[in-house]
């Protein structure tokens, strides 16, 4: 009885094997680049430098620096807003770096998919 589908002997044709090797190489490069991104730090300041937040490439807050002049017991809300603004800006920078990395690795072939 004849086999349906597949390739004789179960082997992949040359072009398919090359594509698989390229995909595996690209996956290794992406993993290495992701690890490198996770070690990078991204910082942002708010309030003219009164608050600085540093996050990692894996989007963890590493440090928050608050200038003593920014601490006003009568206006805690402003300080909270500055911390939120600086944190969001630093996270945005980390996100953009990740997006640039992915775009570089895929050559822009993700088609707008969120990865």
C-alpha atoms as a PDB file:
ATOM      1  CA  UNK A   1       0.000   0.000   0.000  1.00  0.00           C
ATOM      2  CA  UNK A   2       1.354   3.405  -0.954  1.00  0.00           C
ATOM      3  CA  UNK A   3       2.106   5.962   1.750  1.00  0.00           C
ATOM      4  CA  UNK A   4       0.276   9.206   1.487  1.00  0.00           C
ATOM      5  CA  UNK A   5       1.944  12.522   2.168  1.00  0.00           C
ATOM      6  CA  UNK A   6       5.323  13.045   3.734  1.00  0.00           C
ATOM      7  CA  UNK A   7       8.647  12.552   2.063  1.00  0.00           C
ATOM      8  CA  UNK A   8      10.280   9.282   0.992  1.00  0.00           C
ATOM      9  CA  UNK A   9      12.232   7.757   3.865  1.00  0.00           C
ATOM     10  CA  UNK A  10      10.956  10.440   6.232  1.00  0.00           C
ATOM     11  CA  UNK A  11      13.758  12.825   5.203  1.00  0.00           C
ATOM     12  CA  UNK A  12      13.171  16.505   4.631  1.00  0.00           C
ATOM     13  CA  UNK A  13      14.100  17.962   1.290  1.00  0.00           C
ATOM     14  CA  UNK A  14      17.180  20.231   1.266  1.00  0.00           C
ATOM     15  CA  UNK A  15      15.307  23.527   1.310  1.00  0.00           C
ATOM     16  CA  UNK A  16      13.132  22.492   4.256  1.00  0.00           C
ATOM     17  CA  UNK A  17      16.179  21.354   6.241  1.00  0.00           C
ATOM     18  CA  UNK A  18      17.879  24.685   5.569  1.00  0.00           C
ATOM     19  CA  UNK A  19      14.774  26.572   6.676  1.00  0.00           C
ATOM     20  CA  UNK A  20      14.686  24.587   9.908  1.00  0.00           C
ATOM     21  CA  UNK A  21      18.357  25.351  10.577  1.00  0.00           C
ATOM     22  CA  UNK A  22      17.758  29.047   9.925  1.00  0.00           C
ATOM     23  CA  UNK A  23      14.748  29.058  12.242  1.00  0.00           C
ATOM     24  CA  UNK A  24      16.749  27.367  15.007  1.00  0.00           C
ATOM     25  CA  UNK A  25      19.627  29.837  14.547  1.00  0.00           C
ATOM     26  CA  UNK A  26      17.198  32.751  14.663  1.00  0.00           C
ATOM     27  CA  UNK A  27      15.599  31.356  17.831  1.00  0.00           C
ATOM     28  CA  UNK A  28      19.024  31.107  19.525  1.00  0.00           C
ATOM     29  CA  UNK A  29      19.845  34.680  18.491  1.00  0.00           C
ATOM     30  CA  UNK A  30      16.506  35.905  19.829  1.00  0.00           C
ATOM     31  CA  UNK A  31      17.077  34.148  23.155  1.00  0.00           C
ATOM     32  CA  UNK A  32      20.569  35.671  23.457  1.00  0.00           C
ATOM     33  CA  UNK A  33      19.271  39.112  22.561  1.00  0.00           C
ATOM     34  CA  UNK A  34      16.425  38.788  25.061  1.00  0.00           C
ATOM     35  CA  UNK A  35      18.885  37.897  27.829  1.00  0.00           C
ATOM     36  CA  UNK A  36      21.019  40.889  26.854  1.00  0.00           C
ATOM     37  CA  UNK A  37      17.966  43.178  26.910  1.00  0.00           C
ATOM     38  CA  UNK A  38      17.018  41.941  30.382  1.00  0.00           C
ATOM     39  CA  UNK A  39      20.403  43.066  31.740  1.00  0.00           C
ATOM     40  CA  UNK A  40      20.041  46.602  30.386  1.00  0.00           C
ATOM     41  CA  UNK A  41      18.740  49.450  32.501  1.00  0.00           C
ATOM     42  CA  UNK A  42      16.360  52.197  31.411  1.00  0.00           C
ATOM     43  CA  UNK A  43      15.826  55.362  33.382  1.00  0.00           C
ATOM     44  CA  UNK A  44      13.479  58.296  33.227  1.00  0.00           C
ATOM     45  CA  UNK A  45      13.183  61.488  35.214  1.00  0.00           C
ATOM     46  CA  UNK A  46      10.188  63.614  36.114  1.00  0.00           C
ATOM     47  CA  UNK A  47       9.750  66.987  37.723  1.00  0.00           C
ATOM     48  CA  UNK A  48      12.916  68.390  36.210  1.00  0.00           C
ATOM     49  CA  UNK A  49      14.968  65.538  37.654  1.00  0.00           C
ATOM     50  CA  UNK A  50      13.343  65.583  41.096  1.00  0.00           C
ATOM     51  CA  UNK A  51      12.389  61.908  40.669  1.00  0.00           C
ATOM     52  CA  UNK A  52      14.315  59.276  38.743  1.00  0.00           C
ATOM     53  CA  UNK A  53      13.187  55.697  38.187  1.00  0.00           C
ATOM     54  CA  UNK A  54      15.412  52.959  36.804  1.00  0.00           C
ATOM     55  CA  UNK A  55      13.905  49.747  35.413  1.00  0.00           C
ATOM     56  CA  UNK A  56      15.452  46.637  33.913  1.00  0.00           C
ATOM     57  CA  UNK A  57      14.821  45.300  30.443  1.00  0.00           C
ATOM     58  CA  UNK A  58      12.618  42.700  32.099  1.00  0.00           C
ATOM     59  CA  UNK A  59      10.483  45.614  33.351  1.00  0.00           C
ATOM     60  CA  UNK A  60      11.329  45.412  37.027  1.00  0.00           C
ATOM     61  CA  UNK A  61      11.782  48.623  39.008  1.00  0.00           C
ATOM     62  CA  UNK A  62      15.398  48.635  40.196  1.00  0.00           C
ATOM     63  CA  UNK A  63      15.753  52.052  41.825  1.00  0.00           C
ATOM     64  CA  UNK A  64      13.757  55.124  42.679  1.00  0.00           C
ATOM     65  CA  UNK A  65      15.710  58.287  43.495  1.00  0.00           C
ATOM     66  CA  UNK A  66      13.877  61.230  45.022  1.00  0.00           C
ATOM     67  CA  UNK A  67      15.488  64.625  45.443  1.00  0.00           C
ATOM     68  CA  UNK A  68      14.999  65.974  48.981  1.00  0.00           C
ATOM     69  CA  UNK A  69      13.543  69.143  47.455  1.00  0.00           C
ATOM     70  CA  UNK A  70      10.726  67.066  45.969  1.00  0.00           C
ATOM     71  CA  UNK A  71       9.550  65.923  49.384  1.00  0.00           C
ATOM     72  CA  UNK A  72       6.811  68.296  50.513  1.00  0.00           C
ATOM     73  CA  UNK A  73       4.678  66.850  53.324  1.00  0.00           C
ATOM     74  CA  UNK A  74       1.862  69.163  52.280  1.00  0.00           C
ATOM     75  CA  UNK A  75       1.874  67.912  48.681  1.00  0.00           C
ATOM     76  CA  UNK A  76       2.439  64.154  48.745  1.00  0.00           C
ATOM     77  CA  UNK A  77       0.193  63.725  45.710  1.00  0.00           C
ATOM     78  CA  UNK A  78       2.623  65.647  43.497  1.00  0.00           C
ATOM     79  CA  UNK A  79       5.472  63.358  44.540  1.00  0.00           C
ATOM     80  CA  UNK A  80       3.325  60.300  43.861  1.00  0.00           C
ATOM     81  CA  UNK A  81       2.458  61.659  40.410  1.00  0.00           C
ATOM     82  CA  UNK A  82       6.142  62.262  39.643  1.00  0.00           C
ATOM     83  CA  UNK A  83       7.015  58.700  40.635  1.00  0.00           C
ATOM     84  CA  UNK A  84       4.244  57.283  38.450  1.00  0.00           C
ATOM     85  CA  UNK A  85       5.254  59.484  35.502  1.00  0.00           C
ATOM     86  CA  UNK A  86       8.931  58.537  35.740  1.00  0.00           C
ATOM     87  CA  UNK A  87       8.100  54.835  36.167  1.00  0.00           C
ATOM     88  CA  UNK A  88       5.792  54.798  33.157  1.00  0.00           C
ATOM     89  CA  UNK A  89       8.373  56.602  31.019  1.00  0.00           C
ATOM     90  CA  UNK A  90      11.157  54.186  32.008  1.00  0.00           C
ATOM     91  CA  UNK A  91       8.907  51.174  31.321  1.00  0.00           C
ATOM     92  CA  UNK A  92       7.980  52.666  27.955  1.00  0.00           C
ATOM     93  CA  UNK A  93      11.682  52.974  27.078  1.00  0.00           C
ATOM     94  CA  UNK A  94      12.245  49.314  28.009  1.00  0.00           C
ATOM     95  CA  UNK A  95       9.203  48.272  25.958  1.00  0.00           C
ATOM     96  CA  UNK A  96      10.402  50.233  22.924  1.00  0.00           C
ATOM     97  CA  UNK A  97      13.857  48.660  23.165  1.00  0.00           C
ATOM     98  CA  UNK A  98      12.229  45.226  23.219  1.00  0.00           C
ATOM     99  CA  UNK A  99      10.112  46.122  20.201  1.00  0.00           C
ATOM    100  CA  UNK A 100      13.150  47.377  18.306  1.00  0.00           C
ATOM    101  CA  UNK A 101      15.002  44.173  19.134  1.00  0.00           C
ATOM    102  CA  UNK A 102      12.122  42.029  17.901  1.00  0.00           C
ATOM    103  CA  UNK A 103      11.770  44.086  14.736  1.00  0.00           C
ATOM    104  CA  UNK A 104      15.481  43.767  14.032  1.00  0.00           C
ATOM    105  CA  UNK A 105      15.393  40.009  14.607  1.00  0.00           C
ATOM    106  CA  UNK A 106      12.339  39.366  12.463  1.00  0.00           C
ATOM    107  CA  UNK A 107      13.105  41.927   9.793  1.00  0.00           C
ATOM    108  CA  UNK A 108       9.703  43.502  10.410  1.00  0.00           C
ATOM    109  CA  UNK A 109       7.877  40.282   9.503  1.00  0.00           C
ATOM    110  CA  UNK A 110       5.712  40.072  12.633  1.00  0.00           C
ATOM    111  CA  UNK A 111       2.852  41.742  10.786  1.00  0.00           C
ATOM    112  CA  UNK A 112       1.916  43.887  13.760  1.00  0.00           C
ATOM    113  CA  UNK A 113       1.609  40.932  16.119  1.00  0.00           C
ATOM    114  CA  UNK A 114       2.325  41.838  19.754  1.00  0.00           C
ATOM    115  CA  UNK A 115       5.619  39.938  20.095  1.00  0.00           C
END
